[in-house]
Amino acid sequence: MPSIIIIVLILAAVIGIAAGLSKAVISGCVWFVGGLVVQALFGGIIVSLAAAIGISLAASSIPVVFAIIGVVVSFAKG
């Protein structure tokens, strides 16, 4: 399953760059790498806290959420 997410992210990056959204793509990539670091350091804690409040969360989804946040922040900044 994570390999499918990576393939979709790569296709989205290629399409985004082709559409002239390179700033958003770069921001998403930087935030994705940040999400990988957060997953490695705090993944277990985040998943445990989410489970404690009743949210089912896979640790592999943390970097993807960070990438989405990065793209949204890039669009919000203009």
C-alpha atoms as a PDB file:
ATOM      1  CA  MET A   1       0.000   0.000   0.000  1.00  0.00           C
ATOM      2  CA  PRO A   2       2.695   2.608   0.791  1.00  0.00           C
ATOM      3  CA  SER A   3       4.302   1.987  -2.613  1.00  0.00           C
ATOM      4  CA  ILE A   4       1.046   2.999  -4.320  1.00  0.00           C
ATOM      5  CA  ILE A   5       1.009   6.227  -2.308  1.00  0.00           C
ATOM      6  CA  ILE A   6       4.594   6.980  -3.379  1.00  0.00           C
ATOM      7  CA  ILE A   7       3.723   6.374  -7.048  1.00  0.00           C
ATOM      8  CA  VAL A   8       0.692   8.680  -6.793  1.00  0.00           C
ATOM      9  CA  LEU A   9       2.830  11.381  -5.144  1.00  0.00           C
ATOM     10  CA  ILE A  10       5.468  11.129  -7.890  1.00  0.00           C
ATOM     11  CA  LEU A  11       2.793  11.384 -10.610  1.00  0.00           C
ATOM     12  CA  ALA A  12       1.235  14.365  -8.837  1.00  0.00           C
ATOM     13  CA  ALA A  13       4.650  16.048  -8.641  1.00  0.00           C
ATOM     14  CA  VAL A  14       5.304  15.537 -12.352  1.00  0.00           C
ATOM     15  CA  ILE A  15       1.858  16.836 -13.284  1.00  0.00           C
ATOM     16  CA  GLY A  16       2.234  19.768 -10.876  1.00  0.00           C
ATOM     17  CA  ILE A  17       5.593  20.774 -12.333  1.00  0.00           C
ATOM     18  CA  ALA A  18       4.192  20.468 -15.856  1.00  0.00           C
ATOM     19  CA  ALA A  19       1.277  22.697 -14.853  1.00  0.00           C
ATOM     20  CA  GLY A  20       3.619  25.377 -13.512  1.00  0.00           C
ATOM     21  CA  LEU A  21       3.076  24.667  -9.829  1.00  0.00           C
ATOM     22  CA  SER A  22       6.725  24.038  -9.010  1.00  0.00           C
ATOM     23  CA  LYS A  23       6.615  26.086  -5.784  1.00  0.00           C
ATOM     24  CA  ALA A  24       3.756  23.951  -4.430  1.00  0.00           C
ATOM     25  CA  VAL A  25       5.500  20.739  -5.503  1.00  0.00           C
ATOM     26  CA  ILE A  26       8.766  21.728  -3.821  1.00  0.00           C
ATOM     27  CA  SER A  27       6.902  22.748  -0.671  1.00  0.00           C
ATOM     28  CA  GLY A  28       5.053  19.432  -0.628  1.00  0.00           C
ATOM     29  CA  CYS A  29       8.320  17.507  -1.071  1.00  0.00           C
ATOM     30  CA  VAL A  30      10.020  19.390   1.755  1.00  0.00           C
ATOM     31  CA  TRP A  31       7.077  18.811   4.069  1.00  0.00           C
ATOM     32  CA  PHE A  32       6.983  15.114   3.038  1.00  0.00           C
ATOM     33  CA  VAL A  33      10.614  14.711   4.106  1.00  0.00           C
ATOM     34  CA  GLY A  34       9.742  16.493   7.351  1.00  0.00           C
ATOM     35  CA  GLY A  35       6.890  14.020   7.773  1.00  0.00           C
ATOM     36  CA  LEU A  36       9.306  11.131   7.315  1.00  0.00           C
ATOM     37  CA  VAL A  37      11.451  12.533  10.128  1.00  0.00           C
ATOM     38  CA  VAL A  38       8.410  12.993  12.359  1.00  0.00           C
ATOM     39  CA  GLN A  39       7.270   9.456  11.523  1.00  0.00           C
ATOM     40  CA  ALA A  40      10.661   8.030  12.441  1.00  0.00           C
ATOM     41  CA  LEU A  41      10.960   9.975  15.689  1.00  0.00           C
ATOM     42  CA  PHE A  42       7.383  10.266  16.939  1.00  0.00           C
ATOM     43  CA  GLY A  43       5.313   7.866  14.808  1.00  0.00           C
ATOM     44  CA  GLY A  44       4.488   5.502  17.643  1.00  0.00           C
ATOM     45  CA  ILE A  45       3.464   8.330  19.949  1.00  0.00           C
ATOM     46  CA  ILE A  46       1.236   9.963  17.324  1.00  0.00           C
ATOM     47  CA  VAL A  47      -0.468   6.659  16.457  1.00  0.00           C
ATOM     48  CA  SER A  48      -0.986   5.876  20.168  1.00  0.00           C
ATOM     49  CA  LEU A  49      -2.474   9.292  20.874  1.00  0.00           C
ATOM     50  CA  ALA A  50      -4.762   8.994  17.858  1.00  0.00           C
ATOM     51  CA  ALA A  51      -5.899   5.558  19.042  1.00  0.00           C
ATOM     52  CA  ALA A  52      -6.549   6.930  22.525  1.00  0.00           C
ATOM     53  CA  ILE A  53      -9.038   9.429  21.106  1.00  0.00           C
ATOM     54  CA  GLY A  54     -10.606   6.867  18.779  1.00  0.00           C
ATOM     55  CA  ILE A  55      -8.929   7.677  15.463  1.00  0.00           C
ATOM     56  CA  SER A  56      -7.490   4.839  13.406  1.00  0.00           C
ATOM     57  CA  LEU A  57      -4.221   6.117  11.929  1.00  0.00           C
ATOM     58  CA  ALA A  58      -1.457   4.239  10.147  1.00  0.00           C
ATOM     59  CA  ALA A  59       2.068   5.474  10.786  1.00  0.00           C
ATOM     60  CA  SER A  60       2.769   5.374   7.048  1.00  0.00           C
ATOM     61  CA  SER A  61       0.159   8.075   6.453  1.00  0.00           C
ATOM     62  CA  ILE A  62       2.003  10.703   8.531  1.00  0.00           C
ATOM     63  CA  PRO A  63       4.356  11.855   5.702  1.00  0.00           C
ATOM     64  CA  VAL A  64       1.461  12.068   3.255  1.00  0.00           C
ATOM     65  CA  VAL A  65      -0.504  14.263   5.655  1.00  0.00           C
ATOM     66  CA  PHE A  66       2.556  16.497   6.040  1.00  0.00           C
ATOM     67  CA  ALA A  67       2.879  16.756   2.229  1.00  0.00           C
ATOM     68  CA  ILE A  68      -0.768  17.798   1.941  1.00  0.00           C
ATOM     69  CA  ILE A  69      -0.261  20.405   4.663  1.00  0.00           C
ATOM     70  CA  GLY A  70       2.806  21.704   2.789  1.00  0.00           C
ATOM     71  CA  VAL A  71       0.900  22.136  -0.459  1.00  0.00           C
ATOM     72  CA  VAL A  72      -1.973  23.899   1.312  1.00  0.00           C
ATOM     73  CA  VAL A  73       0.449  26.223   3.110  1.00  0.00           C
ATOM     74  CA  SER A  74       2.169  26.985  -0.214  1.00  0.00           C
ATOM     75  CA  PHE A  75      -1.150  27.938  -1.803  1.00  0.00           C
ATOM     76  CA  ALA A  76      -2.151  29.990   1.248  1.00  0.00           C
ATOM     77  CA  LYS A  77       1.095  31.982   1.097  1.00  0.00           C
ATOM     78  CA  GLY A  78       0.559  32.631  -2.574  1.00  0.00           C
END
